[in-house]
Amino acid sequence: MTQRVELATVMDRLAVDGLVTDYAVAVDDGDWAAYRQLFTADGRADYRSAGGIEGDVGSVAAWLAENLRLFSMRQHLIVNRRVRFGVLEQDTGDTARVGADYVNPMRLAGDGDGGAPDFVCGGRYSFGLLRTDDGWRLREVVVEEKWRRLPTA
């Protein structure tokens, strides 16, 4: 590879990493307008393994907005990001796949401002991305929840 190609790859990796971080921040902050803007027009998300829904980004954002109100604090920690780039067949756009593990502590609303999270879950994200005229966007998000710890009575 030439230095120019290597630099472009590094810049793409940084942009993709930034998009994944923006996704986590939008969900944690409940910024559903920002969440929607991270996706392509035909973007979809699948939260079924975590007890959620699968659908287009508008439907999923509305569902998240309603259901995540149960939690006054959310904090996605997305780690071990594995990025792979590709080119769509019969398409001029570049693609990327990101697999990443997550831990997500949350506090139930009404539990005060301090203390440990009431609910913690973890698993793996699979992100499908597309380079658009507006930069990298999410085309697909799939959550594979692997474990969860619920409040003890």
N, C-alpha and C. Protein backbone atom coordinates (compact mmCIF):
# COMPACT_ATOMS: atom_id res chain seq x y z
N MET A 1 0.84 -1.19 0.00
CA MET A 1 0.00 0.00 0.00
C MET A 1 0.88 1.25 0.00
N THR A 2 0.38 2.26 -0.67
CA THR A 2 1.10 3.52 -0.66
C THR A 2 0.74 4.29 0.61
N GLN A 3 1.55 5.29 0.92
CA GLN A 3 1.26 6.11 2.10
C GLN A 3 -0.08 6.80 1.98
N ARG A 4 -0.46 7.21 0.77
CA ARG A 4 -1.73 7.89 0.57
C ARG A 4 -2.90 6.95 0.88
N VAL A 5 -2.83 5.71 0.43
CA VAL A 5 -3.88 4.74 0.70
C VAL A 5 -3.92 4.43 2.19
N GLU A 6 -2.76 4.27 2.81
CA GLU A 6 -2.72 4.00 4.24
C GLU A 6 -3.31 5.15 5.04
N LEU A 7 -3.03 6.40 4.66
CA LEU A 7 -3.59 7.56 5.34
C LEU A 7 -5.10 7.60 5.18
N ALA A 8 -5.61 7.31 3.98
CA ALA A 8 -7.06 7.28 3.75
C ALA A 8 -7.71 6.21 4.62
N THR A 9 -7.08 5.07 4.75
CA THR A 9 -7.62 4.00 5.59
C THR A 9 -7.66 4.43 7.05
N VAL A 10 -6.60 5.07 7.51
CA VAL A 10 -6.57 5.56 8.89
C VAL A 10 -7.68 6.59 9.11
N MET A 11 -7.86 7.49 8.16
CA MET A 11 -8.91 8.51 8.29
C MET A 11 -10.30 7.85 8.30
N ASP A 12 -10.50 6.83 7.47
CA ASP A 12 -11.78 6.12 7.49
C ASP A 12 -12.00 5.41 8.82
N ARG A 13 -10.96 4.78 9.34
CA ARG A 13 -11.08 4.10 10.64
C ARG A 13 -11.47 5.09 11.73
N LEU A 14 -10.86 6.26 11.72
CA LEU A 14 -11.20 7.28 12.71
C LEU A 14 -12.64 7.75 12.56
N ALA A 15 -13.08 7.93 11.32
CA ALA A 15 -14.46 8.38 11.08
C ALA A 15 -15.46 7.30 11.51
N VAL A 16 -15.17 6.05 11.21
CA VAL A 16 -16.05 4.94 11.60
C VAL A 16 -16.09 4.83 13.12
N ASP A 17 -14.94 4.93 13.76
CA ASP A 17 -14.87 4.88 15.22
C ASP A 17 -15.68 6.02 15.83
N GLY A 18 -15.57 7.21 15.25
CA GLY A 18 -16.33 8.35 15.73
C GLY A 18 -17.83 8.14 15.59
N LEU A 19 -18.26 7.49 14.52
CA LEU A 19 -19.68 7.22 14.31
C LEU A 19 -20.22 6.24 15.36
N VAL A 20 -19.43 5.22 15.68
CA VAL A 20 -19.84 4.27 16.72
C VAL A 20 -19.93 4.98 18.07
N THR A 21 -18.99 5.85 18.35
CA THR A 21 -19.03 6.63 19.59
C THR A 21 -20.25 7.55 19.61
N ASP A 22 -20.52 8.22 18.49
CA ASP A 22 -21.70 9.09 18.41
C ASP A 22 -22.99 8.31 18.63
N TYR A 23 -23.03 7.08 18.14
CA TYR A 23 -24.18 6.20 18.37
C TYR A 23 -24.38 5.98 19.88
N ALA A 24 -23.32 5.59 20.57
CA ALA A 24 -23.42 5.32 22.01
C ALA A 24 -23.86 6.56 22.78
N VAL A 25 -23.30 7.70 22.45
CA VAL A 25 -23.64 8.95 23.14
C VAL A 25 -25.09 9.34 22.87
N ALA A 26 -25.56 9.19 21.63
CA ALA A 26 -26.95 9.52 21.32
C ALA A 26 -27.92 8.66 22.12
N VAL A 27 -27.64 7.35 22.22
CA VAL A 27 -28.51 6.46 22.98
C VAL A 27 -28.44 6.82 24.47
N ASP A 28 -27.23 7.00 24.99
CA ASP A 28 -27.07 7.28 26.42
C ASP A 28 -27.70 8.61 26.81
N ASP A 29 -27.62 9.60 25.94
CA ASP A 29 -28.18 10.92 26.23
C ASP A 29 -29.65 11.04 25.83
N GLY A 30 -30.19 10.03 25.17
CA GLY A 30 -31.58 10.10 24.72
C GLY A 30 -31.79 11.16 23.65
N ASP A 31 -30.78 11.38 22.82
CA ASP A 31 -30.87 12.36 21.74
C ASP A 31 -31.33 11.64 20.48
N TRP A 32 -32.64 11.48 20.35
CA TRP A 32 -33.19 10.64 19.29
C TRP A 32 -33.12 11.31 17.93
N ALA A 33 -33.06 12.62 17.88
CA ALA A 33 -32.85 13.31 16.59
C ALA A 33 -31.44 13.00 16.09
N ALA A 34 -30.45 13.09 16.98
CA ALA A 34 -29.07 12.76 16.61
C ALA A 34 -28.96 11.29 16.22
N TYR A 35 -29.65 10.42 16.96
CA TYR A 35 -29.65 8.98 16.66
C TYR A 35 -30.11 8.75 15.22
N ARG A 36 -31.24 9.37 14.84
CA ARG A 36 -31.78 9.19 13.49
C ARG A 36 -30.80 9.68 12.42
N GLN A 37 -30.10 10.76 12.70
CA GLN A 37 -29.18 11.34 11.71
C GLN A 37 -27.94 10.49 11.48
N LEU A 38 -27.66 9.56 12.37
CA LEU A 38 -26.50 8.69 12.22
C LEU A 38 -26.72 7.60 11.18
N PHE A 39 -27.98 7.40 10.78
CA PHE A 39 -28.34 6.30 9.89
C PHE A 39 -28.57 6.78 8.46
N THR A 40 -28.44 5.84 7.52
CA THR A 40 -28.86 6.10 6.14
C THR A 40 -30.38 6.16 6.11
N ALA A 41 -30.94 6.65 5.03
CA ALA A 41 -32.40 6.77 4.91
C ALA A 41 -33.08 5.41 5.05
N ASP A 42 -32.42 4.34 4.62
CA ASP A 42 -33.01 3.00 4.73
C ASP A 42 -32.44 2.22 5.92
N GLY A 43 -31.84 2.93 6.88
CA GLY A 43 -31.20 2.28 8.01
C GLY A 43 -32.17 1.52 8.90
N ARG A 44 -31.66 0.43 9.48
CA ARG A 44 -32.47 -0.43 10.33
C ARG A 44 -31.67 -0.78 11.58
N ALA A 45 -32.40 -1.13 12.64
CA ALA A 45 -31.76 -1.58 13.87
C ALA A 45 -32.54 -2.77 14.42
N ASP A 46 -31.81 -3.67 15.08
CA ASP A 46 -32.40 -4.89 15.62
C ASP A 46 -31.95 -5.06 17.06
N TYR A 47 -32.87 -4.81 17.99
CA TYR A 47 -32.59 -4.94 19.42
C TYR A 47 -33.35 -6.14 20.02
N ARG A 48 -33.82 -7.06 19.19
CA ARG A 48 -34.65 -8.16 19.68
C ARG A 48 -33.95 -9.04 20.71
N SER A 49 -32.65 -9.27 20.58
CA SER A 49 -31.98 -10.15 21.53
C SER A 49 -31.92 -9.54 22.94
N ALA A 50 -32.14 -8.22 23.01
CA ALA A 50 -32.15 -7.52 24.30
C ALA A 50 -33.58 -7.19 24.75
N GLY A 51 -34.56 -7.82 24.12
CA GLY A 51 -35.95 -7.59 24.50
C GLY A 51 -36.60 -6.45 23.76
N GLY A 52 -35.95 -5.95 22.72
CA GLY A 52 -36.47 -4.81 21.97
C GLY A 52 -37.14 -5.22 20.68
N ILE A 53 -37.09 -4.31 19.71
CA ILE A 53 -37.73 -4.52 18.43
C ILE A 53 -36.71 -4.45 17.32
N GLU A 54 -37.15 -4.79 16.11
CA GLU A 54 -36.37 -4.64 14.89
C GLU A 54 -37.20 -3.81 13.94
N GLY A 55 -36.55 -2.87 13.24
CA GLY A 55 -37.29 -2.08 12.27
C GLY A 55 -36.49 -0.94 11.70
N ASP A 56 -37.19 -0.08 10.98
CA ASP A 56 -36.55 1.10 10.41
C ASP A 56 -36.15 2.05 11.53
N VAL A 57 -35.22 2.93 11.23
CA VAL A 57 -34.63 3.78 12.27
C VAL A 57 -35.67 4.66 12.97
N GLY A 58 -36.66 5.15 12.25
CA GLY A 58 -37.69 5.98 12.88
C GLY A 58 -38.50 5.21 13.91
N SER A 59 -38.94 4.01 13.55
CA SER A 59 -39.72 3.18 14.47
C SER A 59 -38.90 2.78 15.68
N VAL A 60 -37.66 2.41 15.45
CA VAL A 60 -36.79 1.97 16.55
C VAL A 60 -36.47 3.14 17.47
N ALA A 61 -36.19 4.31 16.90
CA ALA A 61 -35.91 5.49 17.74
C ALA A 61 -37.11 5.83 18.62
N ALA A 62 -38.31 5.75 18.07
CA ALA A 62 -39.51 6.03 18.87
C ALA A 62 -39.66 4.99 19.98
N TRP A 63 -39.41 3.73 19.67
CA TRP A 63 -39.50 2.67 20.68
C TRP A 63 -38.46 2.90 21.78
N LEU A 64 -37.21 3.20 21.39
CA LEU A 64 -36.16 3.46 22.38
C LEU A 64 -36.52 4.65 23.27
N ALA A 65 -37.01 5.73 22.66
CA ALA A 65 -37.37 6.92 23.43
C ALA A 65 -38.39 6.59 24.51
N GLU A 66 -39.37 5.78 24.16
CA GLU A 66 -40.41 5.40 25.12
C GLU A 66 -39.88 4.47 26.20
N ASN A 67 -39.14 3.45 25.82
CA ASN A 67 -38.74 2.41 26.76
C ASN A 67 -37.52 2.76 27.60
N LEU A 68 -36.63 3.56 27.08
CA LEU A 68 -35.44 3.90 27.86
C LEU A 68 -35.70 5.00 28.87
N ARG A 69 -36.92 5.56 28.88
CA ARG A 69 -37.27 6.51 29.93
C ARG A 69 -37.28 5.85 31.31
N LEU A 70 -37.34 4.53 31.33
CA LEU A 70 -37.30 3.79 32.59
C LEU A 70 -35.96 3.96 33.31
N PHE A 71 -34.95 4.39 32.57
CA PHE A 71 -33.60 4.48 33.12
C PHE A 71 -33.12 5.93 33.13
N SER A 72 -32.77 6.42 34.31
CA SER A 72 -32.30 7.80 34.43
C SER A 72 -30.84 7.93 34.01
N MET A 73 -30.12 6.83 34.00
CA MET A 73 -28.71 6.85 33.61
C MET A 73 -28.44 5.64 32.72
N ARG A 74 -27.76 5.91 31.60
CA ARG A 74 -27.31 4.86 30.68
C ARG A 74 -25.89 5.20 30.27
N GLN A 75 -25.06 4.17 30.17
CA GLN A 75 -23.67 4.43 29.77
C GLN A 75 -23.14 3.24 28.98
N HIS A 76 -23.14 3.36 27.66
CA HIS A 76 -22.57 2.32 26.81
C HIS A 76 -21.06 2.43 26.82
N LEU A 77 -20.42 1.32 27.08
CA LEU A 77 -18.98 1.21 26.94
C LEU A 77 -18.74 0.23 25.80
N ILE A 78 -18.34 0.73 24.65
CA ILE A 78 -18.19 -0.10 23.45
C ILE A 78 -16.69 -0.28 23.19
N VAL A 79 -16.24 -1.54 23.24
CA VAL A 79 -14.80 -1.84 23.20
C VAL A 79 -14.52 -2.96 22.20
N ASN A 80 -13.24 -3.26 22.04
CA ASN A 80 -12.79 -4.34 21.14
C ASN A 80 -13.39 -4.19 19.75
N ARG A 81 -13.28 -3.00 19.19
CA ARG A 81 -13.88 -2.71 17.88
C ARG A 81 -13.02 -3.35 16.79
N ARG A 82 -13.67 -4.15 15.96
CA ARG A 82 -13.01 -4.78 14.83
C ARG A 82 -13.64 -4.22 13.56
N VAL A 83 -12.84 -3.53 12.77
CA VAL A 83 -13.34 -2.83 11.59
C VAL A 83 -12.83 -3.53 10.33
N ARG A 84 -13.75 -3.77 9.40
CA ARG A 84 -13.41 -4.34 8.10
C ARG A 84 -14.06 -3.48 7.03
N PHE A 85 -13.28 -3.10 6.03
CA PHE A 85 -13.79 -2.28 4.93
C PHE A 85 -14.04 -3.12 3.70
N GLY A 86 -15.01 -2.69 2.88
CA GLY A 86 -15.32 -3.38 1.64
C GLY A 86 -15.96 -2.43 0.66
N VAL A 87 -16.26 -2.94 -0.53
CA VAL A 87 -16.95 -2.17 -1.55
C VAL A 87 -18.20 -2.95 -1.93
N LEU A 88 -19.32 -2.28 -1.97
CA LEU A 88 -20.57 -2.92 -2.37
C LEU A 88 -20.50 -3.35 -3.82
N GLU A 89 -21.01 -4.53 -4.11
CA GLU A 89 -21.12 -4.95 -5.50
C GLU A 89 -22.15 -4.05 -6.18
N GLN A 90 -21.86 -3.63 -7.39
CA GLN A 90 -22.75 -2.79 -8.19
C GLN A 90 -23.09 -1.48 -7.49
N ASP A 91 -22.17 -0.98 -6.71
CA ASP A 91 -22.40 0.27 -6.00
C ASP A 91 -21.05 0.97 -5.89
N THR A 92 -21.06 2.27 -5.98
CA THR A 92 -19.81 3.02 -5.89
C THR A 92 -19.44 3.34 -4.45
N GLY A 93 -20.36 3.11 -3.51
CA GLY A 93 -20.10 3.47 -2.13
C GLY A 93 -19.23 2.46 -1.40
N ASP A 94 -18.45 2.92 -0.49
CA ASP A 94 -17.65 2.05 0.36
C ASP A 94 -18.49 1.57 1.53
N THR A 95 -18.16 0.41 2.05
CA THR A 95 -18.86 -0.16 3.19
C THR A 95 -17.88 -0.48 4.29
N ALA A 96 -18.41 -0.65 5.48
CA ALA A 96 -17.60 -1.11 6.61
C ALA A 96 -18.48 -1.98 7.49
N ARG A 97 -17.85 -2.94 8.12
CA ARG A 97 -18.49 -3.77 9.14
C ARG A 97 -17.69 -3.57 10.41
N VAL A 98 -18.40 -3.36 11.50
CA VAL A 98 -17.75 -3.21 12.80
C VAL A 98 -18.40 -4.19 13.76
N GLY A 99 -17.59 -5.02 14.38
CA GLY A 99 -18.04 -5.86 15.47
C GLY A 99 -17.43 -5.29 16.74
N ALA A 100 -18.21 -5.14 17.78
CA ALA A 100 -17.70 -4.53 19.01
C ALA A 100 -18.46 -5.07 20.21
N ASP A 101 -17.72 -5.32 21.27
CA ASP A 101 -18.34 -5.76 22.52
C ASP A 101 -18.82 -4.53 23.29
N TYR A 102 -19.82 -4.75 24.14
CA TYR A 102 -20.33 -3.65 24.95
C TYR A 102 -20.67 -4.11 26.36
N VAL A 103 -20.58 -3.17 27.27
CA VAL A 103 -21.11 -3.28 28.63
C VAL A 103 -21.97 -2.04 28.81
N ASN A 104 -23.18 -2.23 29.35
CA ASN A 104 -24.13 -1.12 29.45
C ASN A 104 -24.76 -1.08 30.84
N PRO A 105 -24.15 -0.33 31.78
CA PRO A 105 -24.80 -0.14 33.08
C PRO A 105 -25.90 0.92 32.97
N MET A 106 -27.00 0.69 33.70
CA MET A 106 -28.11 1.63 33.69
C MET A 106 -28.69 1.73 35.10
N ARG A 107 -29.25 2.90 35.43
CA ARG A 107 -29.91 3.09 36.72
C ARG A 107 -31.39 3.36 36.47
N LEU A 108 -32.22 2.66 37.22
CA LEU A 108 -33.66 2.86 37.08
C LEU A 108 -34.06 4.27 37.53
N ALA A 109 -34.98 4.88 36.82
CA ALA A 109 -35.47 6.21 37.18
C ALA A 109 -36.08 6.15 38.57
N GLY A 110 -35.87 7.20 39.35
CA GLY A 110 -36.42 7.28 40.69
C GLY A 110 -35.54 6.69 41.76
N ASP A 111 -34.36 6.18 41.38
CA ASP A 111 -33.45 5.58 42.35
C ASP A 111 -32.43 6.57 42.91
N GLY A 112 -32.66 7.85 42.72
CA GLY A 112 -31.72 8.86 43.23
C GLY A 112 -30.57 9.09 42.28
N ASP A 113 -29.68 9.97 42.70
CA ASP A 113 -28.58 10.35 41.83
C ASP A 113 -27.31 9.53 42.06
N GLY A 114 -27.22 8.82 43.17
CA GLY A 114 -25.98 8.13 43.46
C GLY A 114 -26.16 6.63 43.46
N GLY A 115 -25.09 5.96 43.81
CA GLY A 115 -25.15 4.52 43.93
C GLY A 115 -24.82 3.79 42.66
N ALA A 116 -24.76 2.48 42.80
CA ALA A 116 -24.41 1.61 41.68
C ALA A 116 -25.58 1.47 40.72
N PRO A 117 -25.28 1.09 39.48
CA PRO A 117 -26.36 0.83 38.53
C PRO A 117 -27.23 -0.32 39.01
N ASP A 118 -28.52 -0.26 38.65
CA ASP A 118 -29.46 -1.32 39.00
C ASP A 118 -29.44 -2.46 38.00
N PHE A 119 -29.03 -2.17 36.79
CA PHE A 119 -29.18 -3.10 35.68
C PHE A 119 -27.92 -2.98 34.84
N VAL A 120 -27.29 -4.11 34.53
CA VAL A 120 -26.11 -4.10 33.69
C VAL A 120 -26.25 -5.23 32.69
N CYS A 121 -25.95 -4.93 31.43
CA CYS A 121 -26.00 -5.97 30.41
C CYS A 121 -24.76 -5.85 29.52
N GLY A 122 -24.49 -6.89 28.79
CA GLY A 122 -23.34 -6.88 27.90
C GLY A 122 -23.56 -7.81 26.73
N GLY A 123 -22.79 -7.59 25.70
CA GLY A 123 -22.91 -8.41 24.51
C GLY A 123 -22.05 -7.89 23.39
N ARG A 124 -22.56 -8.03 22.19
CA ARG A 124 -21.80 -7.64 21.00
C ARG A 124 -22.70 -6.89 20.02
N TYR A 125 -22.17 -5.82 19.48
CA TYR A 125 -22.82 -5.07 18.41
C TYR A 125 -22.25 -5.51 17.07
N SER A 126 -23.09 -5.50 16.06
CA SER A 126 -22.66 -5.62 14.68
C SER A 126 -23.20 -4.40 13.95
N PHE A 127 -22.29 -3.57 13.48
CA PHE A 127 -22.66 -2.35 12.76
C PHE A 127 -22.33 -2.53 11.28
N GLY A 128 -23.28 -2.20 10.41
CA GLY A 128 -23.03 -2.12 8.98
C GLY A 128 -23.07 -0.66 8.58
N LEU A 129 -22.00 -0.18 7.94
CA LEU A 129 -21.89 1.24 7.60
C LEU A 129 -21.73 1.43 6.10
N LEU A 130 -22.14 2.60 5.65
CA LEU A 130 -22.02 2.98 4.25
C LEU A 130 -21.46 4.39 4.17
N ARG A 131 -20.47 4.57 3.29
CA ARG A 131 -19.97 5.92 3.04
C ARG A 131 -20.97 6.62 2.10
N THR A 132 -21.47 7.76 2.54
CA THR A 132 -22.43 8.54 1.75
C THR A 132 -21.81 9.89 1.41
N ASP A 133 -22.55 10.69 0.68
CA ASP A 133 -22.08 12.05 0.37
C ASP A 133 -21.92 12.88 1.64
N ASP A 134 -22.63 12.50 2.71
CA ASP A 134 -22.55 13.20 3.99
C ASP A 134 -21.58 12.54 4.96
N GLY A 135 -20.81 11.57 4.47
CA GLY A 135 -19.87 10.86 5.33
C GLY A 135 -20.40 9.48 5.68
N TRP A 136 -19.72 8.81 6.60
CA TRP A 136 -20.13 7.47 7.01
C TRP A 136 -21.44 7.53 7.77
N ARG A 137 -22.34 6.58 7.46
CA ARG A 137 -23.62 6.47 8.14
C ARG A 137 -23.89 4.99 8.46
N LEU A 138 -24.69 4.78 9.49
CA LEU A 138 -25.11 3.43 9.85
C LEU A 138 -26.21 2.97 8.92
N ARG A 139 -26.04 1.81 8.38
CA ARG A 139 -27.09 1.19 7.56
C ARG A 139 -27.81 0.12 8.38
N GLU A 140 -27.09 -0.46 9.34
CA GLU A 140 -27.65 -1.55 10.13
C GLU A 140 -26.95 -1.61 11.49
N VAL A 141 -27.74 -1.82 12.53
CA VAL A 141 -27.22 -2.08 13.87
C VAL A 141 -27.94 -3.31 14.40
N VAL A 142 -27.17 -4.31 14.81
CA VAL A 142 -27.74 -5.52 15.40
C VAL A 142 -27.07 -5.72 16.76
N VAL A 143 -27.91 -5.89 17.78
CA VAL A 143 -27.43 -6.13 19.14
C VAL A 143 -27.57 -7.62 19.44
N GLU A 144 -26.51 -8.20 19.95
CA GLU A 144 -26.54 -9.58 20.44
C GLU A 144 -26.24 -9.54 21.93
N GLU A 145 -27.29 -9.41 22.73
CA GLU A 145 -27.09 -9.40 24.18
C GLU A 145 -26.67 -10.80 24.62
N LYS A 146 -25.58 -10.86 25.42
CA LYS A 146 -25.07 -12.16 25.87
C LYS A 146 -25.34 -12.40 27.35
N TRP A 147 -25.52 -11.35 28.12
CA TRP A 147 -25.76 -11.51 29.55
C TRP A 147 -26.42 -10.26 30.11
N ARG A 148 -27.04 -10.42 31.27
CA ARG A 148 -27.60 -9.27 31.98
C ARG A 148 -27.67 -9.58 33.46
N ARG A 149 -27.49 -8.55 34.24
CA ARG A 149 -27.62 -8.65 35.70
C ARG A 149 -28.72 -7.69 36.12
N LEU A 150 -29.74 -8.23 36.75
CA LEU A 150 -30.90 -7.45 37.17
C LEU A 150 -30.76 -7.07 38.64
N PRO A 151 -31.57 -6.10 39.09
CA PRO A 151 -31.52 -5.72 40.50
C PRO A 151 -31.89 -6.91 41.39
N THR A 152 -31.25 -6.95 42.55
CA THR A 152 -31.62 -7.98 43.52
C THR A 152 -32.62 -7.39 44.50
N ALA A 153 -33.56 -8.19 44.89
CA ALA A 153 -34.62 -7.71 45.79
C ALA A 153 -34.17 -7.73 47.23
